[in-house]
Amino acid sequence: MGEEIQMTRQSVNLKYVKLGYHYLITNLLTICLIPLMVASAVEIAKTNPEDIRQLCIHLQCNLVSVTICSAVLIVVSTVYAMTRPRPVYLVDHACYRPPDHLKINYARVEELVRLNGYFDESSIEFQRKILENAGIGEETYMPEVMHRVPLRVTMAAAREETEQVVFGALDTLFANTTIKPKDIGILVVNCSLFNPTPSLSATIVNKFKLRGNIKSFNLGGMGCSAGLIAVDLAKDLLQVHGRTYAVVVSTENITYNGYTGNNKSMLLPNCLFRVGGAAILLSNKSSDRSRAKYKLKHIVRTHCGSDDKAYHCVYQKQDDAGLVGVSLSKELMVVAPRALKTNISTLGPLVLPMSEQILFFVKFVAKKFFKAKVKPYIPDFKLAFDHFCIHAGGRAVIDELEKNLQLTPLHIEPSRMTLHRFGNTSSSSIWYELAYIEAKGRMRKGHRVWQIGFGSGFKCNSAVWQALRNVKPSNNSAWDDCIDRQADRLMREYASASVIRYLPAVDYVISSQHLAWLGVGLPTMPRLTSAATSVVDGPKGL
């Protein structure tokens, strides 16, 4: 016990040493400039009117040089102002909350699965276990057609689902921003598995009577990371077309893509995916900065499609009976961390403080050139970001990223809550997570948010946003009816399942405060162990 307490104290001391180092490096320039500023102030204080008169005479004698320097400065400033990228602002976003009659719980799912008669007993039991361990709650939503027996999937039903989601999100967005549909100059829609003719973007143009010269795009087959691809496309278009608005719509269709066979790798999407969608309003108008919520800082896209395993790990195909579905292979949990590693190797230098970059560089040089036996340094992204919106693809994905990025339960909470309340809503899940952070009142001016999306191909995409003000939740938020109740319910489920584990004493204080904010009491703390495990680490499952 004494050794464990000593190790805890050492870890606390090391933690504060690292914090001190971080603040020193971050403010090193300021610390160095203070003596220079003091010396300059002393010299200025020593000047007298005669010194100023001599300076004026010197400038008059070198009028040509002064004029040339001034002209060069003006030209350079003008060129910079004209060629620098236009800022892209996120004015607002809206997530769709389906009506209550579309809610579905575990018991109803199992009942419908049995009544429709498509699955054998082994497949039914498999889906039941996945549902129990997937981290999905009892109040997610399925489309109207999925509630009926017998199941009859039609193109009309698929269109009805998508139109309800997309039109509902856009109605809320236009109402909250008071933007007229005719003001929209760019429209980008992404839906991976449902791409009818006319396209979904054309459907939106028709419904809202958007203007005839609108630049509209429809992205298909790009998986759960397509939302950030759509944002990247809109950003590039906003660099070309000045003073305009862009709307990005992210959704997925459940009706047309249910799998009715018995291939277990193709049954996983049935258990994970639920109805959802989001609409995002972007602007490049400087006048919108005052009312915008966020400014786009970076987008980094990584495509691993050249690797066969990565390409096939999320793959739409026919099974042996000719039934179409999306197969999720066991390679997914290997491919996803590898794609993330490649992505953050590009993102890191753009966002990490200099203190972290120096530590990473020193360990890299020691290992590469001096053959030192040191572990590769994992940068602390908590120093670069205040909030994390990790695609709510499944419990295993969230757990893996929590471990690899060394995040706290508070950082991962938006992803867990979104998965629990809405399920996997594909590319729109990161927007439900951002709405959750806003609804909890945690977003402050200057905070930076990291959105991470994974999708078929295989792709890993990141977007970094910076809050321009203390962000309040928008009207008619998807979380309006459940923001406090949801957190309380999920954490109580974790506690009652006896899956809460504890960190050493210093971290236990943090996790206790975190659970206290949610109104959850902690069981009696067990004897401390030297190995730190995750605070919330339930039964493994996708």
Protein backbone atom coordinates (compact mmCIF):
# COMPACT_ATOMS: atom_id res chain seq x y z
CA MET A 1 0.00 0.00 0.00
CA GLY A 2 2.87 2.35 0.90
CA GLU A 3 4.54 1.73 -2.47
CA GLU A 4 1.30 2.50 -4.29
CA ILE A 5 0.88 5.81 -2.44
CA GLN A 6 4.50 6.68 -3.25
CA MET A 7 3.91 5.91 -6.95
CA THR A 8 0.80 8.07 -6.89
CA ARG A 9 2.75 10.98 -5.40
CA GLN A 10 5.46 10.58 -8.02
CA SER A 11 2.86 10.61 -10.81
CA VAL A 12 1.33 13.78 -9.34
CA ASN A 13 4.76 15.44 -9.16
CA LEU A 14 5.52 14.42 -12.75
CA LYS A 15 2.16 15.80 -13.82
CA TYR A 16 2.91 19.21 -12.35
CA VAL A 17 6.44 19.20 -13.78
CA LYS A 18 4.99 18.60 -17.23
CA LEU A 19 2.40 21.36 -16.74
CA GLY A 20 5.14 23.77 -15.67
CA TYR A 21 7.20 22.83 -18.72
CA HIS A 22 4.18 23.34 -20.98
CA TYR A 23 3.42 26.81 -19.63
CA LEU A 24 7.09 27.79 -19.82
CA ILE A 25 7.46 26.81 -23.47
CA THR A 26 4.07 28.25 -24.43
CA ASN A 27 4.90 31.63 -22.90
CA LEU A 28 8.62 31.59 -23.71
CA LEU A 29 8.34 34.34 -26.33
CA THR A 30 6.45 36.58 -23.91
CA ILE A 31 9.01 35.92 -21.17
CA CYS A 32 11.86 36.82 -23.54
CA LEU A 33 10.12 39.95 -24.81
CA ILE A 34 9.46 41.43 -21.37
CA PRO A 35 13.14 42.47 -20.74
CA LEU A 36 13.33 43.87 -24.30
CA MET A 37 10.15 45.89 -23.78
CA VAL A 38 11.42 47.21 -20.45
CA ALA A 39 14.74 48.24 -22.02
CA SER A 40 12.91 49.95 -24.90
CA ALA A 41 10.66 51.82 -22.47
CA VAL A 42 13.71 53.04 -20.52
CA GLU A 43 15.39 54.31 -23.70
CA ILE A 44 12.21 56.07 -24.87
CA ALA A 45 11.92 57.73 -21.48
CA LYS A 46 15.43 59.16 -21.94
CA THR A 47 14.61 60.89 -25.22
CA ASN A 48 14.22 64.68 -25.28
CA PRO A 49 12.74 67.13 -27.80
CA GLU A 50 16.14 67.62 -29.46
CA ASP A 51 16.37 63.88 -30.26
CA ILE A 52 12.94 63.95 -31.84
CA ARG A 53 13.87 67.04 -33.92
CA GLN A 54 17.03 65.30 -35.19
CA LEU A 55 14.97 62.23 -36.17
CA CYS A 56 12.55 64.38 -38.21
CA ILE A 57 15.45 66.07 -40.02
CA HIS A 58 16.95 62.64 -40.82
CA LEU A 59 13.67 61.42 -42.30
CA GLN A 60 13.32 64.55 -44.46
CA CYS A 61 16.78 64.01 -45.85
CA ASN A 62 15.86 60.42 -46.78
CA LEU A 63 12.39 61.13 -48.16
CA VAL A 64 12.85 58.90 -51.21
CA SER A 65 13.83 55.89 -49.10
CA VAL A 66 10.94 56.47 -46.73
CA THR A 67 8.49 56.75 -49.67
CA ILE A 68 9.78 53.54 -51.31
CA CYS A 69 9.60 51.59 -48.04
CA SER A 70 6.07 52.85 -47.41
CA ALA A 71 4.97 51.90 -50.95
CA VAL A 72 6.46 48.40 -50.63
CA LEU A 73 4.73 47.94 -47.29
CA ILE A 74 1.38 48.99 -48.76
CA VAL A 75 1.76 46.68 -51.79
CA VAL A 76 2.74 43.69 -49.64
CA SER A 77 -0.17 44.31 -47.27
CA THR A 78 -2.60 44.58 -50.18
CA VAL A 79 -1.36 41.38 -51.82
CA TYR A 80 -1.61 39.52 -48.51
CA ALA A 81 -5.15 40.78 -47.89
CA MET A 82 -6.24 39.72 -51.40
CA THR A 83 -4.60 36.26 -51.43
CA ARG A 84 -5.08 35.04 -47.87
CA PRO A 85 -7.77 32.37 -47.45
CA ARG A 86 -11.23 33.63 -46.68
CA PRO A 87 -12.32 32.75 -43.14
CA VAL A 88 -15.12 30.19 -42.95
CA TYR A 89 -17.64 30.63 -40.14
CA LEU A 90 -20.11 28.12 -38.79
CA VAL A 91 -23.17 30.27 -38.23
CA ASP A 92 -25.33 27.50 -36.75
CA HIS A 93 -26.19 23.82 -37.08
CA ALA A 94 -29.33 21.79 -36.47
CA CYS A 95 -29.74 18.10 -35.67
CA TYR A 96 -32.97 16.29 -36.40
CA ARG A 97 -34.91 14.69 -33.55
CA PRO A 98 -37.48 12.20 -34.89
CA PRO A 99 -41.00 12.03 -33.40
CA ASP A 100 -41.50 9.90 -30.29
CA HIS A 101 -43.56 7.23 -32.07
CA LEU A 102 -40.41 6.16 -33.93
CA LYS A 103 -38.56 5.29 -30.70
CA ILE A 104 -37.57 1.67 -30.35
CA ASN A 105 -36.22 -0.34 -27.41
CA TYR A 106 -34.40 -3.67 -27.19
CA ALA A 107 -37.54 -5.70 -26.54
CA ARG A 108 -39.35 -4.22 -29.53
CA VAL A 109 -36.34 -4.80 -31.79
CA GLU A 110 -36.18 -8.47 -30.80
CA GLU A 111 -39.94 -8.81 -31.23
CA LEU A 112 -39.86 -7.36 -34.75
CA VAL A 113 -36.86 -9.48 -35.70
CA ARG A 114 -38.73 -12.63 -34.71
CA LEU A 115 -42.06 -11.63 -36.26
CA ASN A 116 -40.58 -10.80 -39.66
CA GLY A 117 -39.03 -14.28 -39.87
CA TYR A 118 -35.92 -13.42 -41.88
CA PHE A 119 -33.34 -14.60 -39.34
CA ASP A 120 -32.45 -17.96 -37.84
CA GLU A 121 -32.13 -18.39 -34.07
CA SER A 122 -28.35 -17.97 -34.15
CA SER A 123 -28.63 -14.60 -35.93
CA ILE A 124 -31.35 -13.41 -33.53
CA GLU A 125 -29.19 -14.28 -30.52
CA PHE A 126 -26.17 -12.58 -32.14
CA GLN A 127 -28.11 -9.36 -32.70
CA ARG A 128 -29.46 -9.45 -29.15
CA LYS A 129 -25.95 -9.66 -27.70
CA ILE A 130 -24.69 -6.87 -29.93
CA LEU A 131 -27.57 -4.63 -28.87
CA GLU A 132 -26.92 -5.28 -25.20
CA ASN A 133 -23.22 -4.44 -25.43
CA ALA A 134 -23.15 -1.78 -28.16
CA GLY A 135 -23.72 1.19 -25.84
CA ILE A 136 -27.01 2.05 -27.56
CA GLY A 137 -29.91 3.04 -25.32
CA GLU A 138 -33.62 2.31 -25.26
CA GLU A 139 -34.79 5.54 -26.93
CA THR A 140 -33.13 5.52 -30.34
CA TYR A 141 -35.20 5.87 -33.51
CA MET A 142 -35.97 3.58 -36.44
CA PRO A 143 -37.87 4.60 -39.59
CA GLU A 144 -41.60 4.05 -39.89
CA VAL A 145 -41.30 1.05 -42.20
CA MET A 146 -39.10 -0.83 -39.70
CA HIS A 147 -41.91 -0.76 -37.12
CA ARG A 148 -44.30 -2.67 -39.39
CA VAL A 149 -44.93 -6.38 -39.78
CA PRO A 150 -44.43 -7.70 -42.37
CA LEU A 151 -41.48 -5.55 -43.42
CA ARG A 152 -42.04 -4.02 -46.87
CA VAL A 153 -39.16 -1.87 -48.07
CA THR A 154 -40.03 0.45 -50.97
CA MET A 155 -38.38 3.36 -52.70
CA ALA A 156 -41.27 5.56 -51.55
CA ALA A 157 -40.67 4.61 -47.90
CA ALA A 158 -36.95 5.33 -48.25
CA ARG A 159 -37.66 8.73 -49.79
CA GLU A 160 -40.15 9.49 -47.03
CA GLU A 161 -37.57 8.76 -44.32
CA THR A 162 -34.85 10.88 -45.91
CA GLU A 163 -37.20 13.77 -46.62
CA GLN A 164 -38.46 13.79 -43.03
CA VAL A 165 -34.91 13.93 -41.68
CA VAL A 166 -33.44 16.41 -44.16
CA PHE A 167 -36.43 18.74 -44.33
CA GLY A 168 -36.80 18.67 -40.54
CA ALA A 169 -33.15 19.62 -39.96
CA LEU A 170 -33.25 22.37 -42.59
CA ASP A 171 -36.53 23.81 -41.27
CA THR A 172 -34.94 24.15 -37.83
CA LEU A 173 -31.75 25.64 -39.28
CA PHE A 174 -33.57 28.28 -41.33
CA ALA A 175 -35.85 29.14 -38.39
CA ASN A 176 -32.91 29.59 -35.99
CA THR A 177 -30.76 31.66 -38.36
CA THR A 178 -33.54 33.62 -40.13
CA ILE A 179 -31.68 32.93 -43.38
CA LYS A 180 -33.88 32.79 -46.47
CA PRO A 181 -33.40 29.71 -48.68
CA LYS A 182 -32.83 32.01 -51.66
CA ASP A 183 -29.69 33.35 -49.93
CA ILE A 184 -27.96 29.96 -50.11
CA GLY A 185 -25.29 29.88 -52.82
CA ILE A 186 -23.76 26.44 -52.17
CA LEU A 187 -25.41 23.15 -51.20
CA VAL A 188 -23.54 19.94 -50.37
CA VAL A 189 -25.47 16.80 -49.39
CA ASN A 190 -23.93 13.53 -48.28
CA CYS A 191 -25.78 10.23 -47.92
CA SER A 192 -23.72 7.11 -48.42
CA LEU A 193 -26.17 4.32 -49.28
CA PHE A 194 -29.28 5.99 -50.71
CA ASN A 195 -28.75 7.92 -53.92
CA PRO A 196 -31.97 8.14 -55.95
CA THR A 197 -32.64 10.08 -59.12
CA PRO A 198 -33.23 13.02 -58.95
CA SER A 199 -30.53 13.40 -56.33
CA LEU A 200 -31.14 14.36 -52.72
CA SER A 201 -29.59 17.77 -53.39
CA ALA A 202 -32.13 18.29 -56.19
CA THR A 203 -34.89 17.23 -53.79
CA ILE A 204 -33.81 19.97 -51.38
CA VAL A 205 -33.62 22.55 -54.16
CA ASN A 206 -37.15 21.63 -55.19
CA LYS A 207 -38.57 21.64 -51.67
CA PHE A 208 -37.10 24.97 -50.54
CA LYS A 209 -37.13 26.64 -53.99
CA LEU A 210 -33.44 27.46 -53.91
CA ARG A 211 -32.10 29.80 -56.56
CA GLY A 212 -31.30 28.61 -60.06
CA ASN A 213 -27.56 29.35 -60.01
CA ILE A 214 -26.89 27.44 -56.79
CA LYS A 215 -23.76 25.26 -56.74
CA SER A 216 -25.18 21.89 -55.59
CA PHE A 217 -23.32 18.64 -54.96
CA ASN A 218 -24.42 15.17 -53.86
CA LEU A 219 -21.83 12.87 -52.23
CA GLY A 220 -22.55 9.15 -52.10
CA GLY A 221 -20.77 5.99 -50.96
CA MET A 222 -18.28 7.82 -48.75
CA GLY A 223 -19.34 6.37 -45.42
CA CYS A 224 -19.58 7.85 -41.96
CA SER A 225 -16.73 10.32 -42.53
CA ALA A 226 -18.51 12.00 -45.45
CA GLY A 227 -19.83 14.82 -43.27
CA LEU A 228 -16.36 16.33 -42.90
CA ILE A 229 -15.64 15.70 -46.59
CA ALA A 230 -18.77 17.74 -47.36
CA VAL A 231 -17.57 20.52 -45.04
CA ASP A 232 -14.17 20.48 -46.78
CA LEU A 233 -15.81 20.76 -50.19
CA ALA A 234 -18.00 23.63 -48.99
CA LYS A 235 -14.93 25.34 -47.53
CA ASP A 236 -13.09 25.15 -50.86
CA LEU A 237 -16.12 26.52 -52.71
CA LEU A 238 -16.39 29.39 -50.23
CA GLN A 239 -12.80 30.34 -51.12
CA VAL A 240 -13.88 30.82 -54.74
CA HIS A 241 -17.33 32.35 -54.32
CA GLY A 242 -17.25 35.46 -52.16
CA ARG A 243 -19.91 36.72 -49.75
CA THR A 244 -22.22 33.74 -49.82
CA TYR A 245 -23.70 31.01 -47.66
CA ALA A 246 -23.11 27.25 -47.90
CA VAL A 247 -25.39 24.59 -46.44
CA VAL A 248 -24.07 21.10 -45.68
CA VAL A 249 -26.59 18.31 -45.06
CA SER A 250 -25.40 15.00 -43.60
CA THR A 251 -27.65 11.96 -43.22
CA GLU A 252 -27.99 8.23 -43.86
CA ASN A 253 -30.96 6.17 -44.96
CA ILE A 254 -31.94 3.18 -42.81
CA THR A 255 -35.07 2.04 -44.68
CA TYR A 256 -33.37 1.02 -47.91
CA ASN A 257 -30.31 -0.60 -46.38
CA GLY A 258 -31.49 -3.09 -43.80
CA TYR A 259 -29.98 -6.55 -44.18
CA THR A 260 -32.29 -9.57 -43.97
CA GLY A 261 -29.78 -12.41 -44.22
CA ASN A 262 -27.79 -14.42 -41.68
CA ASN A 263 -24.20 -13.34 -42.38
CA LYS A 264 -23.09 -12.09 -38.95
CA SER A 265 -20.58 -9.52 -40.24
CA MET A 266 -23.42 -7.97 -42.25
CA LEU A 267 -25.86 -7.97 -39.32
CA LEU A 268 -23.82 -5.43 -37.34
CA PRO A 269 -25.17 -2.33 -39.17
CA ASN A 270 -28.73 -3.48 -38.35
CA CYS A 271 -27.86 -3.23 -34.67
CA LEU A 272 -25.87 0.00 -34.73
CA PHE A 273 -27.42 2.43 -37.22
CA ARG A 274 -30.37 4.64 -36.40
CA VAL A 275 -32.32 7.55 -37.92
CA GLY A 276 -30.63 10.95 -37.77
CA GLY A 277 -29.31 13.86 -39.78
CA ALA A 278 -27.86 17.35 -39.47
CA ALA A 279 -27.80 20.61 -41.42
CA ILE A 280 -24.92 23.09 -41.09
CA LEU A 281 -24.83 26.71 -42.24
CA LEU A 282 -21.40 28.07 -43.27
CA SER A 283 -20.53 31.60 -44.32
CA ASN A 284 -17.52 33.53 -45.62
CA LYS A 285 -19.06 36.94 -44.91
CA SER A 286 -17.07 39.03 -42.44
CA SER A 287 -20.36 40.51 -41.23
CA ASP A 288 -21.40 37.06 -39.96
CA ARG A 289 -18.47 36.76 -37.56
CA SER A 290 -20.36 38.55 -34.79
CA ARG A 291 -23.20 36.03 -34.79
CA ALA A 292 -21.34 32.88 -35.86
CA LYS A 293 -20.65 30.15 -33.33
CA TYR A 294 -17.34 28.86 -34.66
CA LYS A 295 -14.53 29.55 -37.07
CA LEU A 296 -13.05 26.71 -39.10
CA LYS A 297 -9.33 26.35 -38.33
CA HIS A 298 -8.23 23.14 -40.04
CA ILE A 299 -9.50 20.15 -42.01
CA VAL A 300 -7.21 17.15 -42.48
CA ARG A 301 -8.27 14.19 -44.60
CA THR A 302 -6.62 10.76 -44.70
CA HIS A 303 -7.45 8.06 -47.25
CA CYS A 304 -6.12 4.52 -46.71
CA GLY A 305 -7.85 3.01 -49.74
CA SER A 306 -4.58 1.86 -51.31
CA ASP A 307 -4.37 -0.84 -48.63
CA ASP A 308 -6.59 -3.84 -49.45
CA LYS A 309 -7.51 -4.59 -45.82
CA ALA A 310 -8.50 -0.98 -45.23
CA TYR A 311 -10.47 -0.88 -48.47
CA HIS A 312 -12.51 -4.01 -47.66
CA CYS A 313 -13.07 -3.54 -43.91
CA VAL A 314 -16.38 -1.71 -44.56
CA TYR A 315 -17.77 -3.17 -47.76
CA GLN A 316 -21.22 -3.35 -49.36
CA LYS A 317 -21.78 -6.72 -51.02
CA GLN A 318 -24.14 -9.64 -51.57
CA ASP A 319 -24.10 -12.64 -49.27
CA ASP A 320 -24.31 -16.25 -50.47
CA ALA A 321 -28.09 -15.92 -50.77
CA GLY A 322 -27.80 -12.81 -52.95
CA LEU A 323 -28.96 -10.41 -50.21
CA VAL A 324 -27.24 -7.01 -50.14
CA GLY A 325 -25.75 -5.56 -46.97
CA VAL A 326 -22.72 -3.79 -45.55
CA SER A 327 -20.05 -6.05 -44.07
CA LEU A 328 -17.93 -4.84 -41.15
CA SER A 329 -14.81 -7.01 -40.93
CA LYS A 330 -12.74 -7.75 -37.84
CA GLU A 331 -9.92 -5.74 -39.44
CA LEU A 332 -11.85 -2.55 -38.69
CA MET A 333 -10.46 -2.27 -35.16
CA VAL A 334 -6.93 -2.48 -36.57
CA VAL A 335 -7.46 -0.21 -39.56
CA ALA A 336 -9.21 2.61 -37.68
CA PRO A 337 -6.36 3.33 -35.18
CA ARG A 338 -3.83 3.14 -38.01
CA ALA A 339 -5.82 5.66 -40.08
CA LEU A 340 -6.12 7.92 -37.03
CA LYS A 341 -2.36 7.74 -36.46
CA THR A 342 -1.72 8.85 -40.04
CA ASN A 343 -4.27 11.63 -39.72
CA ILE A 344 -2.91 13.06 -36.48
CA SER A 345 0.66 12.93 -37.81
CA THR A 346 -0.49 15.65 -40.23
CA LEU A 347 -2.82 17.42 -37.81
CA GLY A 348 -0.41 17.44 -34.86
CA PRO A 349 2.05 20.07 -36.14
CA LEU A 350 -0.89 22.35 -36.95
CA VAL A 351 -2.51 22.27 -33.51
CA LEU A 352 -0.12 20.99 -30.84
CA PRO A 353 1.67 23.52 -28.63
CA MET A 354 5.41 23.87 -29.13
CA SER A 355 6.08 22.10 -25.83
CA GLU A 356 4.53 18.88 -27.13
CA GLN A 357 6.25 19.14 -30.50
CA ILE A 358 9.65 19.52 -28.82
CA LEU A 359 9.08 16.43 -26.65
CA PHE A 360 7.96 14.43 -29.68
CA PHE A 361 10.98 15.58 -31.73
CA VAL A 362 13.48 14.82 -28.95
CA LYS A 363 12.19 11.27 -28.46
CA PHE A 364 12.03 10.71 -32.22
CA VAL A 365 15.68 11.79 -32.66
CA ALA A 366 16.78 9.70 -29.66
CA LYS A 367 15.09 6.60 -31.06
CA LYS A 368 15.93 7.13 -34.73
CA PHE A 369 19.54 8.31 -34.63
CA PHE A 370 20.88 7.30 -31.21
CA LYS A 371 19.03 3.94 -31.02
CA ALA A 372 17.81 4.77 -27.54
CA LYS A 373 15.35 2.31 -26.03
CA VAL A 374 12.55 4.77 -25.39
CA LYS A 375 8.86 4.45 -26.07
CA PRO A 376 7.48 6.66 -28.87
CA TYR A 377 6.07 9.83 -27.35
CA ILE A 378 2.28 10.11 -27.58
CA PRO A 379 1.41 13.84 -27.76
CA ASP A 380 -1.14 15.11 -25.27
CA PHE A 381 -3.95 16.38 -27.48
CA LYS A 382 -5.79 17.60 -24.40
CA LEU A 383 -3.37 20.54 -24.48
CA ALA A 384 -4.51 21.38 -28.02
CA PHE A 385 -8.28 20.83 -27.71
CA ASP A 386 -10.93 21.55 -25.14
CA HIS A 387 -13.60 19.27 -26.59
CA PHE A 388 -13.63 16.05 -28.65
CA CYS A 389 -16.39 14.91 -31.01
CA ILE A 390 -15.47 11.35 -31.95
CA HIS A 391 -17.73 9.58 -34.42
CA ALA A 392 -20.18 7.46 -32.40
CA GLY A 393 -19.67 4.39 -34.55
CA GLY A 394 -19.87 1.93 -31.68
CA ARG A 395 -18.71 1.35 -28.16
CA ALA A 396 -15.48 -0.41 -29.16
CA VAL A 397 -14.45 2.48 -31.44
CA ILE A 398 -15.04 5.03 -28.67
CA ASP A 399 -13.21 2.90 -26.08
CA GLU A 400 -10.23 2.45 -28.39
CA LEU A 401 -9.86 6.16 -29.08
CA GLU A 402 -10.30 7.00 -25.41
CA LYS A 403 -7.37 4.71 -24.63
CA ASN A 404 -5.13 5.72 -27.54
CA LEU A 405 -5.61 9.47 -27.06
CA GLN A 406 -5.51 9.16 -23.25
CA LEU A 407 -8.76 11.08 -22.85
CA THR A 408 -10.78 11.52 -19.68
CA PRO A 409 -14.41 10.40 -19.27
CA LEU A 410 -15.48 14.04 -19.55
CA HIS A 411 -13.83 14.36 -22.97
CA ILE A 412 -15.45 11.19 -24.26
CA GLU A 413 -18.86 11.88 -22.73
CA PRO A 414 -20.43 13.57 -25.81
CA SER A 415 -19.65 10.51 -27.95
CA ARG A 416 -20.98 8.02 -25.39
CA MET A 417 -24.13 10.05 -24.79
CA THR A 418 -24.83 10.45 -28.50
CA LEU A 419 -24.38 6.72 -29.12
CA HIS A 420 -26.64 5.94 -26.17
CA ARG A 421 -29.40 8.42 -27.04
CA PHE A 422 -29.42 8.40 -30.86
CA GLY A 423 -27.32 5.38 -31.87
CA ASN A 424 -24.93 5.51 -34.82
CA THR A 425 -26.39 8.23 -37.06
CA SER A 426 -23.46 7.90 -39.48
CA SER A 427 -21.86 11.14 -40.66
CA SER A 428 -24.19 13.34 -38.58
CA SER A 429 -23.13 11.85 -35.21
CA ILE A 430 -20.36 14.43 -34.69
CA TRP A 431 -22.96 17.21 -34.94
CA TYR A 432 -25.16 15.59 -32.29
CA GLU A 433 -22.04 15.50 -30.11
CA LEU A 434 -21.31 19.18 -30.71
CA ALA A 435 -24.93 19.98 -29.87
CA TYR A 436 -24.54 17.97 -26.65
CA ILE A 437 -21.53 20.05 -25.56
CA GLU A 438 -23.50 23.23 -26.26
CA ALA A 439 -26.57 21.94 -24.41
CA LYS A 440 -24.41 21.22 -21.34
CA GLY A 441 -23.18 24.85 -21.42
CA ARG A 442 -19.52 23.86 -21.68
CA MET A 443 -18.51 25.75 -24.82
CA ARG A 444 -16.61 28.96 -24.02
CA LYS A 445 -15.09 31.63 -26.23
CA GLY A 446 -11.72 30.47 -27.57
CA HIS A 447 -12.37 26.77 -26.95
CA ARG A 448 -11.19 24.46 -29.70
CA VAL A 449 -13.17 21.41 -30.84
CA TRP A 450 -11.76 18.37 -32.62
CA GLN A 451 -14.24 16.45 -34.77
CA ILE A 452 -13.06 13.01 -35.89
CA GLY A 453 -14.89 10.96 -38.52
CA PHE A 454 -14.22 7.42 -39.77
CA GLY A 455 -15.73 5.92 -42.89
CA SER A 456 -15.53 3.29 -45.59
CA GLY A 457 -12.66 3.45 -47.99
CA PHE A 458 -11.06 3.55 -45.37
CA LYS A 459 -10.99 7.22 -44.39
CA CYS A 460 -10.22 9.22 -41.27
CA ASN A 461 -11.02 12.93 -41.37
CA SER A 462 -10.54 15.69 -38.82
CA ALA A 463 -11.97 19.18 -38.46
CA VAL A 464 -10.90 21.80 -35.92
CA TRP A 465 -13.26 24.59 -34.91
CA GLN A 466 -12.70 27.52 -32.56
CA ALA A 467 -15.57 29.02 -30.61
CA LEU A 468 -16.03 32.73 -31.30
CA ARG A 469 -18.17 33.29 -28.20
CA ASN A 470 -19.72 31.49 -25.27
CA VAL A 471 -21.98 29.20 -27.25
CA LYS A 472 -25.52 28.58 -26.07
CA PRO A 473 -27.66 25.74 -27.43
CA SER A 474 -29.80 26.61 -30.44
CA ASN A 475 -33.57 26.62 -30.28
CA ASN A 476 -35.22 23.23 -30.82
CA SER A 477 -32.00 21.38 -30.07
CA ALA A 478 -32.09 17.60 -30.44
CA TRP A 479 -31.13 17.40 -26.75
CA ASP A 480 -33.84 19.72 -25.41
CA ASP A 481 -35.96 16.95 -23.90
CA CYS A 482 -33.23 14.85 -22.36
CA ILE A 483 -29.92 16.63 -21.75
CA ASP A 484 -29.87 16.18 -17.95
CA ARG A 485 -31.88 12.98 -17.81
CA GLN A 486 -29.70 11.33 -20.45
CA ALA A 487 -26.38 11.80 -18.66
CA ASP A 488 -27.87 10.65 -15.37
CA ARG A 489 -29.40 7.53 -16.90
CA LEU A 490 -26.31 6.39 -18.78
CA MET A 491 -23.91 6.87 -15.89
CA ARG A 492 -26.31 5.05 -13.55
CA GLU A 493 -26.34 2.15 -16.01
CA TYR A 494 -22.56 2.01 -15.91
CA ALA A 495 -22.56 2.17 -12.11
CA SER A 496 -25.29 -0.44 -11.63
CA ALA A 497 -23.51 -2.81 -14.01
CA SER A 498 -20.44 -2.63 -11.71
CA VAL A 499 -18.23 -1.61 -14.59
CA ILE A 500 -16.74 1.50 -12.98
CA ARG A 501 -13.06 1.08 -12.30
CA TYR A 502 -10.81 3.54 -10.56
CA LEU A 503 -7.62 5.38 -11.25
CA PRO A 504 -5.02 6.23 -8.58
CA ALA A 505 -6.15 8.69 -5.93
CA VAL A 506 -5.45 11.93 -7.80
CA ASP A 507 -7.47 10.81 -10.83
CA TYR A 508 -10.21 9.35 -8.66
CA VAL A 509 -10.94 12.87 -7.44
CA ILE A 510 -11.45 14.00 -11.02
CA SER A 511 -13.74 11.10 -11.89
CA SER A 512 -15.72 11.60 -8.67
CA GLN A 513 -16.34 15.24 -9.57
CA HIS A 514 -17.31 14.21 -13.08
CA LEU A 515 -19.91 11.76 -11.84
CA ALA A 516 -21.11 14.22 -9.21
CA TRP A 517 -21.92 16.74 -11.97
CA LEU A 518 -24.18 14.06 -13.42
CA GLY A 519 -25.89 13.40 -10.10
CA VAL A 520 -24.49 9.87 -9.79
CA GLY A 521 -23.33 8.44 -6.48
CA LEU A 522 -20.20 6.31 -6.41
CA PRO A 523 -19.96 2.87 -4.84
CA THR A 524 -17.39 2.32 -2.11
CA MET A 525 -13.93 2.74 -3.56
CA PRO A 526 -11.96 -0.52 -3.72
CA ARG A 527 -8.34 -0.88 -2.74
CA LEU A 528 -6.10 1.11 -5.08
CA THR A 529 -4.05 -0.73 -7.63
CA SER A 530 -0.94 0.53 -9.33
CA ALA A 531 -2.32 -0.05 -12.81
CA ALA A 532 -4.50 2.77 -14.09
CA THR A 533 -7.51 1.56 -16.00
CA SER A 534 -10.29 3.48 -17.71
CA VAL A 535 -12.94 4.94 -15.43
CA VAL A 536 -15.78 3.76 -17.60
CA ASP A 537 -14.97 0.46 -19.25
CA GLY A 538 -18.04 -1.67 -19.74
CA PRO A 539 -18.35 -5.02 -21.47
CA LYS A 540 -16.63 -4.88 -24.81
CA GLY A 541 -18.76 -4.76 -27.91
CA LEU A 542 -19.15 -2.86 -31.14
